Amino acid sequence: MLSEIEKQVRVAVEQVVDPETGLTFGQMNMITNVSQEEPGVFKVDFVPSSPFCPIAFKLAADIKAAAMSVKGVKKAFVYCRGHTMEEEINKTVNK
């Protein structure tokens, strides 16, 4: 069961729009996990629409910005899953 702030973060990140399809991440079921690791610190996992998605770095940055826009969020860590460059994406977006 998600806490109230976890729900708010999930809503925020699911409203991010994929510029290639015009659909939200929520519509595309791209957000696989939102969890509060410690007070104000969140982890968001997402799966891009393709393992070779050319804009996965941008998508990760957009998700992070959306999570950080929620009142009470101090840090957001975003993890891309299932992409050929997921390790590089995760390092870049979470530094």
N, C-alpha and C. Protein backbone atom coordinates (compact mmCIF):
# COMPACT_ATOMS: atom_id res chain seq x y z
N MET A 1 0.84 -1.19 0.00
CA MET A 1 0.00 0.00 0.00
C MET A 1 0.89 1.25 0.00
N LEU A 2 0.63 2.14 -0.91
CA LEU A 2 1.43 3.36 -1.02
C LEU A 2 0.99 4.39 0.02
N SER A 3 1.97 5.11 0.56
CA SER A 3 1.65 6.22 1.45
C SER A 3 1.09 7.36 0.61
N GLU A 4 0.56 8.37 1.27
CA GLU A 4 -0.03 9.50 0.55
C GLU A 4 1.01 10.20 -0.34
N ILE A 5 2.21 10.43 0.19
CA ILE A 5 3.22 11.11 -0.62
C ILE A 5 3.71 10.21 -1.77
N GLU A 6 3.78 8.90 -1.54
CA GLU A 6 4.14 7.99 -2.64
C GLU A 6 3.09 8.05 -3.75
N LYS A 7 1.83 8.13 -3.36
CA LYS A 7 0.74 8.26 -4.36
C LYS A 7 0.92 9.55 -5.16
N GLN A 8 1.25 10.65 -4.46
CA GLN A 8 1.44 11.94 -5.13
C GLN A 8 2.60 11.88 -6.12
N VAL A 9 3.69 11.22 -5.72
CA VAL A 9 4.84 11.09 -6.62
C VAL A 9 4.45 10.24 -7.82
N ARG A 10 3.73 9.13 -7.59
CA ARG A 10 3.31 8.25 -8.70
C ARG A 10 2.43 9.03 -9.68
N VAL A 11 1.49 9.80 -9.17
CA VAL A 11 0.62 10.60 -10.03
C VAL A 11 1.45 11.58 -10.86
N ALA A 12 2.41 12.25 -10.21
CA ALA A 12 3.25 13.24 -10.90
C ALA A 12 4.06 12.59 -12.01
N VAL A 13 4.72 11.47 -11.72
CA VAL A 13 5.58 10.85 -12.73
C VAL A 13 4.77 10.18 -13.83
N GLU A 14 3.57 9.72 -13.50
CA GLU A 14 2.73 9.10 -14.54
C GLU A 14 2.14 10.13 -15.49
N GLN A 15 2.20 11.42 -15.13
CA GLN A 15 1.68 12.47 -16.01
C GLN A 15 2.71 12.96 -17.02
N VAL A 16 3.96 12.52 -16.88
CA VAL A 16 4.99 12.89 -17.85
C VAL A 16 4.60 12.31 -19.21
N VAL A 17 4.76 13.10 -20.25
CA VAL A 17 4.35 12.67 -21.59
C VAL A 17 5.55 12.20 -22.40
N ASP A 18 5.40 11.05 -23.04
CA ASP A 18 6.41 10.53 -23.96
C ASP A 18 6.28 11.32 -25.25
N PRO A 19 7.31 12.11 -25.61
CA PRO A 19 7.19 12.95 -26.80
C PRO A 19 7.06 12.16 -28.10
N GLU A 20 7.50 10.91 -28.10
CA GLU A 20 7.39 10.12 -29.33
C GLU A 20 5.97 9.64 -29.60
N THR A 21 5.20 9.38 -28.53
CA THR A 21 3.85 8.83 -28.71
C THR A 21 2.76 9.83 -28.34
N GLY A 22 3.11 10.83 -27.53
CA GLY A 22 2.11 11.77 -27.04
C GLY A 22 1.29 11.21 -25.88
N LEU A 23 1.62 10.01 -25.43
CA LEU A 23 0.91 9.38 -24.32
C LEU A 23 1.66 9.62 -23.02
N THR A 24 0.93 9.58 -21.90
CA THR A 24 1.59 9.73 -20.61
C THR A 24 2.25 8.41 -20.23
N PHE A 25 3.20 8.52 -19.29
CA PHE A 25 3.87 7.31 -18.81
C PHE A 25 2.87 6.39 -18.11
N GLY A 26 1.85 6.99 -17.48
CA GLY A 26 0.80 6.20 -16.85
C GLY A 26 0.01 5.41 -17.89
N GLN A 27 -0.35 6.06 -19.00
CA GLN A 27 -1.08 5.37 -20.07
C GLN A 27 -0.26 4.24 -20.66
N MET A 28 1.06 4.42 -20.71
CA MET A 28 1.94 3.42 -21.31
C MET A 28 2.45 2.39 -20.31
N ASN A 29 2.04 2.52 -19.03
CA ASN A 29 2.50 1.61 -17.97
C ASN A 29 4.02 1.53 -17.89
N MET A 30 4.68 2.69 -18.00
CA MET A 30 6.14 2.73 -17.98
C MET A 30 6.71 2.83 -16.56
N ILE A 31 5.91 3.28 -15.61
CA ILE A 31 6.38 3.42 -14.23
C ILE A 31 6.09 2.09 -13.52
N THR A 32 7.15 1.40 -13.11
CA THR A 32 6.95 0.08 -12.50
C THR A 32 7.01 0.11 -10.98
N ASN A 33 7.60 1.17 -10.41
CA ASN A 33 7.70 1.22 -8.95
C ASN A 33 7.93 2.65 -8.48
N VAL A 34 7.26 3.00 -7.40
CA VAL A 34 7.52 4.26 -6.69
C VAL A 34 7.58 3.89 -5.22
N SER A 35 8.69 4.20 -4.57
CA SER A 35 8.79 3.89 -3.14
C SER A 35 9.58 4.96 -2.41
N GLN A 36 9.18 5.19 -1.17
CA GLN A 36 9.90 6.14 -0.32
C GLN A 36 10.92 5.32 0.46
N GLU A 37 12.19 5.58 0.19
CA GLU A 37 13.27 4.82 0.81
C GLU A 37 13.54 5.27 2.25
N GLU A 38 13.41 6.58 2.45
CA GLU A 38 13.51 7.20 3.77
C GLU A 38 12.74 8.51 3.64
N PRO A 39 12.43 9.19 4.75
CA PRO A 39 11.61 10.40 4.63
C PRO A 39 12.15 11.39 3.58
N GLY A 40 11.32 11.68 2.58
CA GLY A 40 11.68 12.64 1.54
C GLY A 40 12.57 12.11 0.43
N VAL A 41 12.95 10.84 0.51
CA VAL A 41 13.84 10.25 -0.51
C VAL A 41 13.08 9.14 -1.25
N PHE A 42 12.96 9.32 -2.56
CA PHE A 42 12.14 8.41 -3.36
C PHE A 42 12.93 7.70 -4.43
N LYS A 43 12.47 6.51 -4.74
CA LYS A 43 13.03 5.70 -5.83
C LYS A 43 11.90 5.45 -6.82
N VAL A 44 12.18 5.73 -8.08
CA VAL A 44 11.21 5.50 -9.15
C VAL A 44 11.86 4.61 -10.21
N ASP A 45 11.22 3.50 -10.53
CA ASP A 45 11.69 2.62 -11.59
C ASP A 45 10.80 2.80 -12.81
N PHE A 46 11.43 2.82 -14.01
CA PHE A 46 10.63 2.88 -15.22
C PHE A 46 11.24 2.02 -16.30
N VAL A 47 10.38 1.62 -17.23
CA VAL A 47 10.80 0.82 -18.38
C VAL A 47 10.45 1.63 -19.63
N PRO A 48 11.45 2.01 -20.43
CA PRO A 48 11.14 2.76 -21.65
C PRO A 48 10.39 1.89 -22.65
N SER A 49 9.79 2.53 -23.62
CA SER A 49 8.95 1.81 -24.58
C SER A 49 9.75 0.86 -25.46
N SER A 50 11.06 1.04 -25.52
CA SER A 50 11.92 0.17 -26.33
C SER A 50 13.28 0.05 -25.65
N PRO A 51 13.94 -1.12 -25.75
CA PRO A 51 15.27 -1.25 -25.14
C PRO A 51 16.32 -0.37 -25.81
N PHE A 52 15.97 0.22 -26.95
CA PHE A 52 16.89 1.10 -27.67
C PHE A 52 16.35 2.53 -27.74
N CYS A 53 15.39 2.85 -26.89
CA CYS A 53 14.75 4.17 -26.91
C CYS A 53 15.81 5.27 -26.96
N PRO A 54 15.81 6.10 -28.01
CA PRO A 54 16.86 7.10 -28.17
C PRO A 54 16.77 8.26 -27.18
N ILE A 55 15.64 8.42 -26.52
CA ILE A 55 15.49 9.55 -25.60
C ILE A 55 15.36 9.09 -24.14
N ALA A 56 15.85 7.91 -23.83
CA ALA A 56 15.72 7.38 -22.46
C ALA A 56 16.39 8.28 -21.43
N PHE A 57 17.52 8.92 -21.78
CA PHE A 57 18.17 9.85 -20.84
C PHE A 57 17.22 11.00 -20.51
N LYS A 58 16.57 11.55 -21.54
CA LYS A 58 15.62 12.65 -21.34
C LYS A 58 14.43 12.20 -20.52
N LEU A 59 13.92 11.01 -20.81
CA LEU A 59 12.77 10.49 -20.07
C LEU A 59 13.11 10.36 -18.58
N ALA A 60 14.29 9.84 -18.28
CA ALA A 60 14.71 9.68 -16.89
C ALA A 60 14.80 11.05 -16.21
N ALA A 61 15.35 12.03 -16.90
CA ALA A 61 15.46 13.39 -16.34
C ALA A 61 14.08 14.00 -16.12
N ASP A 62 13.16 13.76 -17.06
CA ASP A 62 11.79 14.27 -16.92
C ASP A 62 11.07 13.64 -15.72
N ILE A 63 11.29 12.33 -15.52
CA ILE A 63 10.68 11.63 -14.38
C ILE A 63 11.24 12.21 -13.08
N LYS A 64 12.55 12.41 -13.04
CA LYS A 64 13.17 12.97 -11.84
C LYS A 64 12.60 14.35 -11.54
N ALA A 65 12.48 15.20 -12.55
CA ALA A 65 11.93 16.55 -12.36
C ALA A 65 10.49 16.49 -11.85
N ALA A 66 9.70 15.57 -12.39
CA ALA A 66 8.31 15.43 -11.95
C ALA A 66 8.24 14.98 -10.49
N ALA A 67 9.08 14.03 -10.11
CA ALA A 67 9.10 13.56 -8.72
C ALA A 67 9.52 14.69 -7.78
N MET A 68 10.53 15.45 -8.19
CA MET A 68 11.04 16.54 -7.35
C MET A 68 10.03 17.68 -7.21
N SER A 69 9.05 17.75 -8.11
CA SER A 69 8.05 18.82 -8.05
C SER A 69 7.02 18.59 -6.94
N VAL A 70 6.99 17.39 -6.38
CA VAL A 70 6.03 17.07 -5.33
C VAL A 70 6.53 17.61 -3.99
N LYS A 71 5.66 18.34 -3.30
CA LYS A 71 6.03 18.92 -2.01
C LYS A 71 6.41 17.80 -1.04
N GLY A 72 7.56 17.97 -0.40
CA GLY A 72 8.03 16.99 0.57
C GLY A 72 9.11 16.07 0.02
N VAL A 73 9.33 16.11 -1.30
CA VAL A 73 10.37 15.28 -1.91
C VAL A 73 11.69 16.05 -1.85
N LYS A 74 12.69 15.45 -1.19
CA LYS A 74 14.00 16.09 -1.07
C LYS A 74 14.97 15.54 -2.11
N LYS A 75 14.85 14.24 -2.38
CA LYS A 75 15.70 13.58 -3.37
C LYS A 75 14.87 12.56 -4.12
N ALA A 76 15.20 12.39 -5.40
CA ALA A 76 14.53 11.36 -6.20
C ALA A 76 15.60 10.63 -7.00
N PHE A 77 15.57 9.33 -6.89
CA PHE A 77 16.48 8.48 -7.67
C PHE A 77 15.63 7.76 -8.70
N VAL A 78 16.03 7.86 -9.95
CA VAL A 78 15.27 7.26 -11.04
C VAL A 78 16.11 6.16 -11.66
N TYR A 79 15.49 5.00 -11.82
CA TYR A 79 16.20 3.84 -12.38
C TYR A 79 15.47 3.34 -13.62
N CYS A 80 16.20 3.38 -14.73
CA CYS A 80 15.72 2.84 -15.99
C CYS A 80 15.97 1.34 -15.98
N ARG A 81 15.01 0.57 -16.43
CA ARG A 81 15.15 -0.90 -16.50
C ARG A 81 14.88 -1.36 -17.93
N GLY A 82 15.63 -2.36 -18.36
CA GLY A 82 15.35 -2.96 -19.66
C GLY A 82 15.83 -2.16 -20.87
N HIS A 83 16.79 -1.26 -20.67
CA HIS A 83 17.34 -0.48 -21.78
C HIS A 83 18.79 -0.91 -21.99
N THR A 84 19.26 -0.87 -23.22
CA THR A 84 20.62 -1.30 -23.50
C THR A 84 21.66 -0.43 -22.79
N MET A 85 21.30 0.80 -22.45
CA MET A 85 22.24 1.71 -21.77
C MET A 85 21.77 2.04 -20.35
N GLU A 86 21.02 1.14 -19.73
CA GLU A 86 20.43 1.48 -18.43
C GLU A 86 21.47 1.87 -17.39
N GLU A 87 22.62 1.22 -17.38
CA GLU A 87 23.64 1.54 -16.38
C GLU A 87 24.11 2.99 -16.53
N GLU A 88 24.38 3.42 -17.76
CA GLU A 88 24.83 4.79 -18.01
C GLU A 88 23.72 5.79 -17.69
N ILE A 89 22.49 5.44 -18.08
CA ILE A 89 21.35 6.33 -17.79
C ILE A 89 21.20 6.53 -16.29
N ASN A 90 21.24 5.41 -15.54
CA ASN A 90 21.05 5.48 -14.09
C ASN A 90 22.17 6.28 -13.41
N LYS A 91 23.40 6.09 -13.86
CA LYS A 91 24.52 6.85 -13.29
C LYS A 91 24.35 8.34 -13.56
N THR A 92 23.99 8.69 -14.79
CA THR A 92 23.89 10.09 -15.19
C THR A 92 22.75 10.81 -14.45
N VAL A 93 21.58 10.19 -14.41
CA VAL A 93 20.43 10.87 -13.82
C VAL A 93 20.49 10.95 -12.29
N ASN A 94 21.27 10.06 -11.68
CA ASN A 94 21.30 10.01 -10.21
C ASN A 94 22.58 10.56 -9.59
N LYS A 95 23.40 11.27 -10.39
CA LYS A 95 24.65 11.79 -9.79
C LYS A 95 24.41 13.05 -9.02
